[in-house]
Structures are given as C-alpha cells and as structure tokens.
Amino acid sequence: MEDITVKELKERLDKGDKFVFLDVREEWEYEDDNLGAINIPLGELPHRLDELDGKKDEEIIIHCRSGARSGNAKKFLETKGFSKARNVLGGIMAYREL
C-alpha cells in the first residue's frame, strides 16, 4: 500500500479511525515519546509476529523516528503476507513538527 504522510496520520488519529498502529522504535525511544501505538522494536519484529496474528488483512500503519526503520518493517511485513502495511513518511520527527 501507499505510504502515509504525518498530516494524514494526525487527521486519522484525531478522527479515531480504526487501524493497527505499530511503533518499531526501541523501547526507550517509545517511552520518551509515543503516540499510543503498539511498540515492537524492528529487531524484535520477526520474533513477535504472533502479536499481529489475525491482522494480515487490516491496515497497519507503522512509524519510527524518521521513517527508515518503519520502511524496513513495512517491507518485512509485506513478505509475510501483510498486504495493507503503510509507512509514516518522516516518522515521529516530522509528526512533532506539525
């Protein structure tokens, strides 16, 4: 699926839209600043896929600090059959500049 801008993400969060929200930053980064997403660090994602069981057909919006790790997470999830994974362009750094 197409990636999503931070502006689109904010609008969807403000509206309370339903989607799976995944933060792939490290735990300490998540604790410092989070948007309420599920935290599964990128390095742990292959070992924690069971936490996303039953969500292969749901929209999954993935973010990180700048968009690089979440882009890798999106590619990984797509190889595992998650067809609606989307990366947040610019990550939380861009989101905080809104």
PDB file of N, CA and C in Angstrom:
ATOM      1  N   MET A   1       0.839  -1.201   0.000  1.00  0.00           N
ATOM      2  CA  MET A   1       0.000   0.000   0.000  1.00  0.00           C
ATOM      3  C   MET A   1       0.870   1.244   0.000  1.00  0.00           C
ATOM      4  N   GLU A   2       0.244   2.336  -0.356  1.00  0.00           N
ATOM      5  CA  GLU A   2       0.962   3.615  -0.350  1.00  0.00           C
ATOM      6  C   GLU A   2       1.339   4.018   1.061  1.00  0.00           C
ATOM      7  N   ASP A   3       2.447   4.744   1.157  1.00  0.00           N
ATOM      8  CA  ASP A   3       2.846   5.279   2.449  1.00  0.00           C
ATOM      9  C   ASP A   3       1.891   6.399   2.842  1.00  0.00           C
ATOM     10  N   ILE A   4       2.009   6.855   4.082  1.00  0.00           N
ATOM     11  CA  ILE A   4       1.100   7.870   4.607  1.00  0.00           C
ATOM     12  C   ILE A   4       1.916   9.050   5.140  1.00  0.00           C
ATOM     13  N   THR A   5       1.411  10.244   4.953  1.00  0.00           N
ATOM     14  CA  THR A   5       2.096  11.424   5.468  1.00  0.00           C
ATOM     15  C   THR A   5       1.736  11.633   6.935  1.00  0.00           C
ATOM     16  N   VAL A   6       2.548  12.414   7.632  1.00  0.00           N
ATOM     17  CA  VAL A   6       2.252  12.684   9.037  1.00  0.00           C
ATOM     18  C   VAL A   6       0.954  13.480   9.174  1.00  0.00           C
ATOM     19  N   LYS A   7       0.667  14.313   8.187  1.00  0.00           N
ATOM     20  CA  LYS A   7      -0.588  15.094   8.224  1.00  0.00           C
ATOM     21  C   LYS A   7      -1.791  14.147   8.148  1.00  0.00           C
ATOM     22  N   GLU A   8      -1.717  13.185   7.229  1.00  0.00           N
ATOM     23  CA  GLU A   8      -2.801  12.200   7.115  1.00  0.00           C
ATOM     24  C   GLU A   8      -2.934  11.394   8.405  1.00  0.00           C
ATOM     25  N   LEU A   9      -1.800  10.996   8.973  1.00  0.00           N
ATOM     26  CA  LEU A   9      -1.824  10.227  10.218  1.00  0.00           C
ATOM     27  C   LEU A   9      -2.501  11.026  11.320  1.00  0.00           C
ATOM     28  N   LYS A  10      -2.119  12.274  11.487  1.00  0.00           N
ATOM     29  CA  LYS A  10      -2.709  13.108  12.535  1.00  0.00           C
ATOM     30  C   LYS A  10      -4.216  13.221  12.351  1.00  0.00           C
ATOM     31  N   GLU A  11      -4.653  13.451  11.121  1.00  0.00           N
ATOM     32  CA  GLU A  11      -6.092  13.562  10.846  1.00  0.00           C
ATOM     33  C   GLU A  11      -6.812  12.268  11.231  1.00  0.00           C
ATOM     34  N   ARG A  12      -6.213  11.141  10.894  1.00  0.00           N
ATOM     35  CA  ARG A  12      -6.834   9.855  11.195  1.00  0.00           C
ATOM     36  C   ARG A  12      -6.845   9.573  12.680  1.00  0.00           C
ATOM     37  N   LEU A  13      -5.776   9.928  13.388  1.00  0.00           N
ATOM     38  CA  LEU A  13      -5.752   9.751  14.842  1.00  0.00           C
ATOM     39  C   LEU A  13      -6.787  10.659  15.502  1.00  0.00           C
ATOM     40  N   ASP A  14      -6.869  11.901  15.046  1.00  0.00           N
ATOM     41  CA  ASP A  14      -7.835  12.853  15.606  1.00  0.00           C
ATOM     42  C   ASP A  14      -9.278  12.374  15.401  1.00  0.00           C
ATOM     43  N   LYS A  15      -9.549  11.741  14.262  1.00  0.00           N
ATOM     44  CA  LYS A  15     -10.897  11.241  13.957  1.00  0.00           C
ATOM     45  C   LYS A  15     -11.211   9.939  14.680  1.00  0.00           C
ATOM     46  N   GLY A  16     -10.160   9.272  15.188  1.00  0.00           N
ATOM     47  CA  GLY A  16     -10.369   7.989  15.851  1.00  0.00           C
ATOM     48  C   GLY A  16     -10.553   6.839  14.873  1.00  0.00           C
ATOM     49  N   ASP A  17     -10.000   6.977  13.661  1.00  0.00           N
ATOM     50  CA  ASP A  17     -10.080   5.907  12.665  1.00  0.00           C
ATOM     51  C   ASP A  17      -9.512   4.609  13.220  1.00  0.00           C
ATOM     52  N   LYS A  18     -10.026   3.518  12.714  1.00  0.00           N
ATOM     53  CA  LYS A  18      -9.580   2.196  13.171  1.00  0.00           C
ATOM     54  C   LYS A  18      -8.497   1.660  12.244  1.00  0.00           C
ATOM     55  N   PHE A  19      -7.354   1.352  12.817  1.00  0.00           N
ATOM     56  CA  PHE A  19      -6.251   0.715  12.108  1.00  0.00           C
ATOM     57  C   PHE A  19      -5.283   0.182  13.153  1.00  0.00           C
ATOM     58  N   VAL A  20      -4.410  -0.708  12.743  1.00  0.00           N
ATOM     59  CA  VAL A  20      -3.378  -1.220  13.634  1.00  0.00           C
ATOM     60  C   VAL A  20      -2.232  -0.216  13.568  1.00  0.00           C
ATOM     61  N   PHE A  21      -1.805   0.285  14.704  1.00  0.00           N
ATOM     62  CA  PHE A  21      -0.772   1.320  14.769  1.00  0.00           C
ATOM     63  C   PHE A  21       0.452   0.708  15.436  1.00  0.00           C
ATOM     64  N   LEU A  22       1.564   0.687  14.712  1.00  0.00           N
ATOM     65  CA  LEU A  22       2.761  -0.009  15.157  1.00  0.00           C
ATOM     66  C   LEU A  22       3.953   0.944  15.192  1.00  0.00           C
ATOM     67  N   ASP A  23       4.647   0.969  16.318  1.00  0.00           N
ATOM     68  CA  ASP A  23       5.854   1.778  16.517  1.00  0.00           C
ATOM     69  C   ASP A  23       7.033   0.814  16.599  1.00  0.00           C
ATOM     70  N   VAL A  24       7.996   0.938  15.655  1.00  0.00           N
ATOM     71  CA  VAL A  24       9.111  -0.009  15.616  1.00  0.00           C
ATOM     72  C   VAL A  24      10.403   0.574  16.196  1.00  0.00           C
ATOM     73  N   ARG A  25      10.284   1.643  16.981  1.00  0.00           N
ATOM     74  CA  ARG A  25      11.466   2.193  17.652  1.00  0.00           C
ATOM     75  C   ARG A  25      11.816   1.328  18.864  1.00  0.00           C
ATOM     76  N   GLU A  26      12.999   1.580  19.406  1.00  0.00           N
ATOM     77  CA  GLU A  26      13.422   0.870  20.614  1.00  0.00           C
ATOM     78  C   GLU A  26      12.544   1.304  21.788  1.00  0.00           C
ATOM     79  N   GLU A  27      12.490   0.444  22.807  1.00  0.00           N
ATOM     80  CA  GLU A  27      11.627   0.698  23.965  1.00  0.00           C
ATOM     81  C   GLU A  27      11.895   2.057  24.610  1.00  0.00           C
ATOM     82  N   TRP A  28      13.166   2.425  24.769  1.00  0.00           N
ATOM     83  CA  TRP A  28      13.491   3.702  25.424  1.00  0.00           C
ATOM     84  C   TRP A  28      13.026   4.889  24.585  1.00  0.00           C
ATOM     85  N   GLU A  29      13.055   4.758  23.269  1.00  0.00           N
ATOM     86  CA  GLU A  29      12.562   5.840  22.403  1.00  0.00           C
ATOM     87  C   GLU A  29      11.048   5.975  22.553  1.00  0.00           C
ATOM     88  N   TYR A  30      10.390   4.826  22.610  1.00  0.00           N
ATOM     89  CA  TYR A  30       8.941   4.783  22.751  1.00  0.00           C
ATOM     90  C   TYR A  30       8.513   5.400  24.082  1.00  0.00           C
ATOM     91  N   GLU A  31       9.250   5.079  25.151  1.00  0.00           N
ATOM     92  CA  GLU A  31       8.915   5.610  26.474  1.00  0.00           C
ATOM     93  C   GLU A  31       9.076   7.123  26.524  1.00  0.00           C
ATOM     94  N   ASP A  32      10.070   7.641  25.800  1.00  0.00           N
ATOM     95  CA  ASP A  32      10.302   9.087  25.782  1.00  0.00           C
ATOM     96  C   ASP A  32       9.207   9.852  25.050  1.00  0.00           C
ATOM     97  N   ASP A  33       8.628   9.247  24.017  1.00  0.00           N
ATOM     98  CA  ASP A  33       7.677   9.967  23.172  1.00  0.00           C
ATOM     99  C   ASP A  33       6.884   8.958  22.351  1.00  0.00           C
ATOM    100  N   ASN A  34       5.629   8.746  22.721  1.00  0.00           N
ATOM    101  CA  ASN A  34       4.841   7.797  21.926  1.00  0.00           C
ATOM    102  C   ASN A  34       3.475   8.375  21.584  1.00  0.00           C
ATOM    103  N   LEU A  35       2.909   7.820  20.536  1.00  0.00           N
ATOM    104  CA  LEU A  35       1.611   8.272  20.033  1.00  0.00           C
ATOM    105  C   LEU A  35       0.503   7.264  20.341  1.00  0.00           C
ATOM    106  N   GLY A  36       0.812   6.283  21.194  1.00  0.00           N
ATOM    107  CA  GLY A  36      -0.194   5.299  21.563  1.00  0.00           C
ATOM    108  C   GLY A  36      -0.189   4.051  20.706  1.00  0.00           C
ATOM    109  N   ALA A  37       0.854   3.854  19.917  1.00  0.00           N
ATOM    110  CA  ALA A  37       0.952   2.673  19.063  1.00  0.00           C
ATOM    111  C   ALA A  37       1.457   1.472  19.856  1.00  0.00           C
ATOM    112  N   ILE A  38       1.308   0.286  19.280  1.00  0.00           N
ATOM    113  CA  ILE A  38       1.900  -0.930  19.834  1.00  0.00           C
ATOM    114  C   ILE A  38       3.396  -0.818  19.593  1.00  0.00           C
ATOM    115  N   ASN A  39       4.209  -1.086  20.607  1.00  0.00           N
ATOM    116  CA  ASN A  39       5.660  -0.983  20.447  1.00  0.00           C
ATOM    117  C   ASN A  39       6.283  -2.362  20.257  1.00  0.00           C
ATOM    118  N   ILE A  40       6.786  -2.599  19.039  1.00  0.00           N
ATOM    119  CA  ILE A  40       7.565  -3.806  18.749  1.00  0.00           C
ATOM    120  C   ILE A  40       8.817  -3.317  17.999  1.00  0.00           C
ATOM    121  N   PRO A  41       9.963  -3.210  18.693  1.00  0.00           N
ATOM    122  CA  PRO A  41      11.173  -2.746  18.027  1.00  0.00           C
ATOM    123  C   PRO A  41      11.479  -3.572  16.768  1.00  0.00           C
ATOM    124  N   LEU A  42      12.005  -2.905  15.744  1.00  0.00           N
ATOM    125  CA  LEU A  42      12.252  -3.552  14.456  1.00  0.00           C
ATOM    126  C   LEU A  42      13.026  -4.860  14.599  1.00  0.00           C
ATOM    127  N   GLY A  43      14.059  -4.881  15.423  1.00  0.00           N
ATOM    128  CA  GLY A  43      14.861  -6.081  15.596  1.00  0.00           C
ATOM    129  C   GLY A  43      14.110  -7.248  16.211  1.00  0.00           C
ATOM    130  N   GLU A  44      13.024  -6.952  16.917  1.00  0.00           N
ATOM    131  CA  GLU A  44      12.224  -8.000  17.559  1.00  0.00           C
ATOM    132  C   GLU A  44      11.039  -8.444  16.703  1.00  0.00           C
ATOM    133  N   LEU A  45      10.739  -7.668  15.665  1.00  0.00           N
ATOM    134  CA  LEU A  45       9.543  -7.929  14.861  1.00  0.00           C
ATOM    135  C   LEU A  45       9.458  -9.359  14.329  1.00  0.00           C
ATOM    136  N   PRO A  46      10.535  -9.937  13.763  1.00  0.00           N
ATOM    137  CA  PRO A  46      10.423 -11.310  13.263  1.00  0.00           C
ATOM    138  C   PRO A  46      10.049 -12.324  14.343  1.00  0.00           C
ATOM    139  N   HIS A  47      10.430 -12.048  15.585  1.00  0.00           N
ATOM    140  CA  HIS A  47      10.178 -12.977  16.690  1.00  0.00           C
ATOM    141  C   HIS A  47       8.848 -12.695  17.394  1.00  0.00           C
ATOM    142  N   ARG A  48       8.204 -11.587  17.032  1.00  0.00           N
ATOM    143  CA  ARG A  48       6.958 -11.207  17.713  1.00  0.00           C
ATOM    144  C   ARG A  48       5.780 -11.076  16.750  1.00  0.00           C
ATOM    145  N   LEU A  49       5.900 -11.698  15.576  1.00  0.00           N
ATOM    146  CA  LEU A  49       4.826 -11.635  14.592  1.00  0.00           C
ATOM    147  C   LEU A  49       3.499 -12.169  15.122  1.00  0.00           C
ATOM    148  N   ASP A  50       3.571 -13.088  16.094  1.00  0.00           N
ATOM    149  CA  ASP A  50       2.342 -13.648  16.657  1.00  0.00           C
ATOM    150  C   ASP A  50       1.464 -12.561  17.277  1.00  0.00           C
ATOM    151  N   GLU A  51       2.057 -11.448  17.671  1.00  0.00           N
ATOM    152  CA  GLU A  51       1.272 -10.352  18.243  1.00  0.00           C
ATOM    153  C   GLU A  51       0.398  -9.674  17.185  1.00  0.00           C
ATOM    154  N   LEU A  52       0.680  -9.959  15.919  1.00  0.00           N
ATOM    155  CA  LEU A  52      -0.115  -9.396  14.828  1.00  0.00           C
ATOM    156  C   LEU A  52      -0.990 -10.462  14.166  1.00  0.00           C
ATOM    157  N   ASP A  53      -1.127 -11.619  14.817  1.00  0.00           N
ATOM    158  CA  ASP A  53      -1.978 -12.690  14.290  1.00  0.00           C
ATOM    159  C   ASP A  53      -3.383 -12.161  14.013  1.00  0.00           C
ATOM    160  N   GLY A  54      -3.932 -12.568  12.895  1.00  0.00           N
ATOM    161  CA  GLY A  54      -5.294 -12.170  12.546  1.00  0.00           C
ATOM    162  C   GLY A  54      -5.398 -10.775  11.971  1.00  0.00           C
ATOM    163  N   LYS A  55      -4.271 -10.114  11.730  1.00  0.00           N
ATOM    164  CA  LYS A  55      -4.307  -8.732  11.253  1.00  0.00           C
ATOM    165  C   LYS A  55      -3.727  -8.578   9.835  1.00  0.00           C
ATOM    166  N   LYS A  56      -3.542  -9.704   9.128  1.00  0.00           N
ATOM    167  CA  LYS A  56      -2.931  -9.655   7.792  1.00  0.00           C
ATOM    168  C   LYS A  56      -3.734  -8.838   6.796  1.00  0.00           C
ATOM    169  N   ASP A  57      -5.046  -8.785   6.973  1.00  0.00           N
ATOM    170  CA  ASP A  57      -5.889  -8.043   6.030  1.00  0.00           C
ATOM    171  C   ASP A  57      -6.305  -6.675   6.560  1.00  0.00           C
ATOM    172  N   GLU A  58      -5.776  -6.303   7.733  1.00  0.00           N
ATOM    173  CA  GLU A  58      -6.095  -4.994   8.307  1.00  0.00           C
ATOM    174  C   GLU A  58      -5.023  -3.986   7.913  1.00  0.00           C
ATOM    175  N   GLU A  59      -5.419  -2.734   7.875  1.00  0.00           N
ATOM    176  CA  GLU A  59      -4.447  -1.680   7.603  1.00  0.00           C
ATOM    177  C   GLU A  59      -3.517  -1.556   8.812  1.00  0.00           C
ATOM    178  N   ILE A  60      -2.217  -1.592   8.555  1.00  0.00           N
ATOM    179  CA  ILE A  60      -1.213  -1.440   9.605  1.00  0.00           C
ATOM    180  C   ILE A  60      -0.379  -0.218   9.269  1.00  0.00           C
ATOM    181  N   ILE A  61      -0.424   0.783  10.126  1.00  0.00           N
ATOM    182  CA  ILE A  61       0.365   1.995   9.933  1.00  0.00           C
ATOM    183  C   ILE A  61       1.557   1.908  10.877  1.00  0.00           C
ATOM    184  N   ILE A  62       2.760   1.995  10.276  1.00  0.00           N
ATOM    185  CA  ILE A  62       3.998   1.771  11.023  1.00  0.00           C
ATOM    186  C   ILE A  62       4.801   3.066  11.071  1.00  0.00           C
ATOM    187  N   HIS A  63       5.307   3.404  12.263  1.00  0.00           N
ATOM    188  CA  HIS A  63       6.158   4.592  12.351  1.00  0.00           C
ATOM    189  C   HIS A  63       7.379   4.324  13.212  1.00  0.00           C
ATOM    190  N   CYS A  64       8.361   5.205  13.054  1.00  0.00           N
ATOM    191  CA  CYS A  64       9.597   5.152  13.836  1.00  0.00           C
ATOM    192  C   CYS A  64      10.064   6.600  14.022  1.00  0.00           C
ATOM    193  N   ARG A  65      11.342   6.801  14.199  1.00  0.00           N
ATOM    194  CA  ARG A  65      11.858   8.150  14.419  1.00  0.00           C
ATOM    195  C   ARG A  65      11.814   8.996  13.147  1.00  0.00           C
ATOM    196  N   SER A  66      12.331   8.426  12.031  1.00  0.00           N
ATOM    197  CA  SER A  66      12.433   9.223  10.804  1.00  0.00           C
ATOM    198  C   SER A  66      11.777   8.593   9.586  1.00  0.00           C
ATOM    199  N   GLY A  67      11.330   7.373   9.698  1.00  0.00           N
ATOM    200  CA  GLY A  67      10.696   6.692   8.570  1.00  0.00           C
ATOM    201  C   GLY A  67      11.528   5.576   7.970  1.00  0.00           C
ATOM    202  N   ALA A  68      12.804   5.472   8.356  1.00  0.00           N
ATOM    203  CA  ALA A  68      13.678   4.440   7.778  1.00  0.00           C
ATOM    204  C   ALA A  68      13.358   3.050   8.324  1.00  0.00           C
ATOM    205  N   ARG A  69      13.332   2.914   9.646  1.00  0.00           N
ATOM    206  CA  ARG A  69      13.040   1.600  10.245  1.00  0.00           C
ATOM    207  C   ARG A  69      11.625   1.145   9.906  1.00  0.00           C
ATOM    208  N   SER A  70      10.693   2.076   9.919  1.00  0.00           N
ATOM    209  CA  SER A  70       9.317   1.691   9.602  1.00  0.00           C
ATOM    210  C   SER A  70       9.194   1.270   8.138  1.00  0.00           C
ATOM    211  N   GLY A  71      10.001   1.872   7.260  1.00  0.00           N
ATOM    212  CA  GLY A  71      10.024   1.442   5.861  1.00  0.00           C
ATOM    213  C   GLY A  71      10.511   0.009   5.741  1.00  0.00           C
ATOM    214  N   ASN A  72      11.546  -0.330   6.510  1.00  0.00           N
ATOM    215  CA  ASN A  72      12.045  -1.710   6.522  1.00  0.00           C
ATOM    216  C   ASN A  72      11.014  -2.663   7.111  1.00  0.00           C
ATOM    217  N   ALA A  73      10.318  -2.219   8.164  1.00  0.00           N
ATOM    218  CA  ALA A  73       9.276  -3.047   8.783  1.00  0.00           C
ATOM    219  C   ALA A  73       8.145  -3.307   7.790  1.00  0.00           C
ATOM    220  N   LYS A  74       7.780  -2.284   7.026  1.00  0.00           N
ATOM    221  CA  LYS A  74       6.726  -2.436   6.016  1.00  0.00           C
ATOM    222  C   LYS A  74       7.130  -3.501   5.006  1.00  0.00           C
ATOM    223  N   LYS A  75       8.349  -3.412   4.495  1.00  0.00           N
ATOM    224  CA  LYS A  75       8.822  -4.396   3.507  1.00  0.00           C
ATOM    225  C   LYS A  75       8.815  -5.803   4.097  1.00  0.00           C
ATOM    226  N   PHE A  76       9.274  -5.925   5.339  1.00  0.00           N
ATOM    227  CA  PHE A  76       9.296  -7.226   6.003  1.00  0.00           C
ATOM    228  C   PHE A  76       7.880  -7.780   6.148  1.00  0.00           C
ATOM    229  N   LEU A  77       6.958  -6.960   6.641  1.00  0.00           N
ATOM    230  CA  LEU A  77       5.584  -7.426   6.841  1.00  0.00           C
ATOM    231  C   LEU A  77       4.945  -7.830   5.521  1.00  0.00           C
ATOM    232  N   GLU A  78       5.252  -7.098   4.452  1.00  0.00           N
ATOM    233  CA  GLU A  78       4.699  -7.457   3.142  1.00  0.00           C
ATOM    234  C   GLU A  78       5.170  -8.848   2.717  1.00  0.00           C
ATOM    235  N   THR A  79       6.417  -9.202   3.028  1.00  0.00           N
ATOM    236  CA  THR A  79       6.913 -10.542   2.674  1.00  0.00           C
ATOM    237  C   THR A  79       6.220 -11.625   3.492  1.00  0.00           C
ATOM    238  N   LYS A  80       5.613 -11.231   4.604  1.00  0.00           N
ATOM    239  CA  LYS A  80       4.908 -12.183   5.466  1.00  0.00           C
ATOM    240  C   LYS A  80       3.401 -12.185   5.217  1.00  0.00           C
ATOM    241  N   GLY A  81       2.966 -11.504   4.158  1.00  0.00           N
ATOM    242  CA  GLY A  81       1.555 -11.545   3.775  1.00  0.00           C
ATOM    243  C   GLY A  81       0.684 -10.423   4.301  1.00  0.00           C
ATOM    244  N   PHE A  82       1.292  -9.419   4.924  1.00  0.00           N
ATOM    245  CA  PHE A  82       0.521  -8.264   5.400  1.00  0.00           C
ATOM    246  C   PHE A  82       0.392  -7.287   4.225  1.00  0.00           C
ATOM    247  N   SER A  83      -0.756  -7.314   3.570  1.00  0.00           N
ATOM    248  CA  SER A  83      -0.925  -6.584   2.312  1.00  0.00           C
ATOM    249  C   SER A  83      -1.276  -5.112   2.484  1.00  0.00           C
ATOM    250  N   LYS A  84      -1.621  -4.698   3.692  1.00  0.00           N
ATOM    251  CA  LYS A  84      -2.053  -3.308   3.888  1.00  0.00           C
ATOM    252  C   LYS A  84      -1.150  -2.546   4.840  1.00  0.00           C
ATOM    253  N   ALA A  85       0.157  -2.853   4.809  1.00  0.00           N
ATOM    254  CA  ALA A  85       1.122  -2.136   5.655  1.00  0.00           C
ATOM    255  C   ALA A  85       1.468  -0.799   5.013  1.00  0.00           C
ATOM    256  N   ARG A  86       1.556   0.244   5.838  1.00  0.00           N
ATOM    257  CA  ARG A  86       1.876   1.596   5.350  1.00  0.00           C
ATOM    258  C   ARG A  86       2.929   2.218   6.260  1.00  0.00           C
ATOM    259  N   ASN A  87       3.872   2.897   5.660  1.00  0.00           N
ATOM    260  CA  ASN A  87       4.943   3.570   6.384  1.00  0.00           C
ATOM    261  C   ASN A  87       4.582   5.044   6.583  1.00  0.00           C
ATOM    262  N   VAL A  88       4.864   5.582   7.763  1.00  0.00           N
ATOM    263  CA  VAL A  88       4.662   7.013   8.026  1.00  0.00           C
ATOM    264  C   VAL A  88       5.925   7.748   7.557  1.00  0.00           C
ATOM    265  N   LEU A  89       5.782   8.535   6.508  1.00  0.00           N
ATOM    266  CA  LEU A  89       6.913   9.265   5.940  1.00  0.00           C
ATOM    267  C   LEU A  89       7.400  10.340   6.907  1.00  0.00           C
ATOM    268  N   GLY A  90       8.685  10.309   7.227  1.00  0.00           N
ATOM    269  CA  GLY A  90       9.261  11.307   8.124  1.00  0.00           C
ATOM    270  C   GLY A  90       9.211  10.937   9.590  1.00  0.00           C
ATOM    271  N   GLY A  91       8.418   9.918   9.930  1.00  0.00           N
ATOM    272  CA  GLY A  91       8.353   9.419  11.300  1.00  0.00           C
ATOM    273  C   GLY A  91       7.895  10.439  12.327  1.00  0.00           C
ATOM    274  N   ILE A  92       8.212  10.141  13.581  1.00  0.00           N
ATOM    275  CA  ILE A  92       7.744  10.978  14.685  1.00  0.00           C
ATOM    276  C   ILE A  92       8.399  12.353  14.656  1.00  0.00           C
ATOM    277  N   MET A  93       9.603  12.452  14.063  1.00  0.00           N
ATOM    278  CA  MET A  93      10.254  13.755  13.965  1.00  0.00           C
ATOM    279  C   MET A  93       9.399  14.705  13.120  1.00  0.00           C
ATOM    280  N   ALA A  94       8.905  14.225  12.004  1.00  0.00           N
ATOM    281  CA  ALA A  94       8.038  15.051  11.145  1.00  0.00           C
ATOM    282  C   ALA A  94       6.694  15.285  11.808  1.00  0.00           C
ATOM    283  N   TYR A  95       6.177  14.289  12.507  1.00  0.00           N
ATOM    284  CA  TYR A  95       4.875  14.418  13.171  1.00  0.00           C
ATOM    285  C   TYR A  95       4.920  15.536  14.207  1.00  0.00           C
ATOM    286  N   ARG A  96       5.997  15.599  14.955  1.00  0.00           N
ATOM    287  CA  ARG A  96       6.117  16.614  16.008  1.00  0.00           C
ATOM    288  C   ARG A  96       6.297  18.018  15.456  1.00  0.00           C
ATOM    289  N   GLU A  97       6.601  18.143  14.164  1.00  0.00           N
ATOM    290  CA  GLU A  97       6.740  19.473  13.559  1.00  0.00           C
ATOM    291  C   GLU A  97       5.417  20.027  13.056  1.00  0.00           C
ATOM    292  N   LEU A  98       4.338  19.221  13.108  1.00  0.00           N
ATOM    293  CA  LEU A  98       3.029  19.684  12.632  1.00  0.00           C
ATOM    294  C   LEU A  98       2.521  20.844  13.467  1.00  0.00           C
TER     295      LEU A  98
END
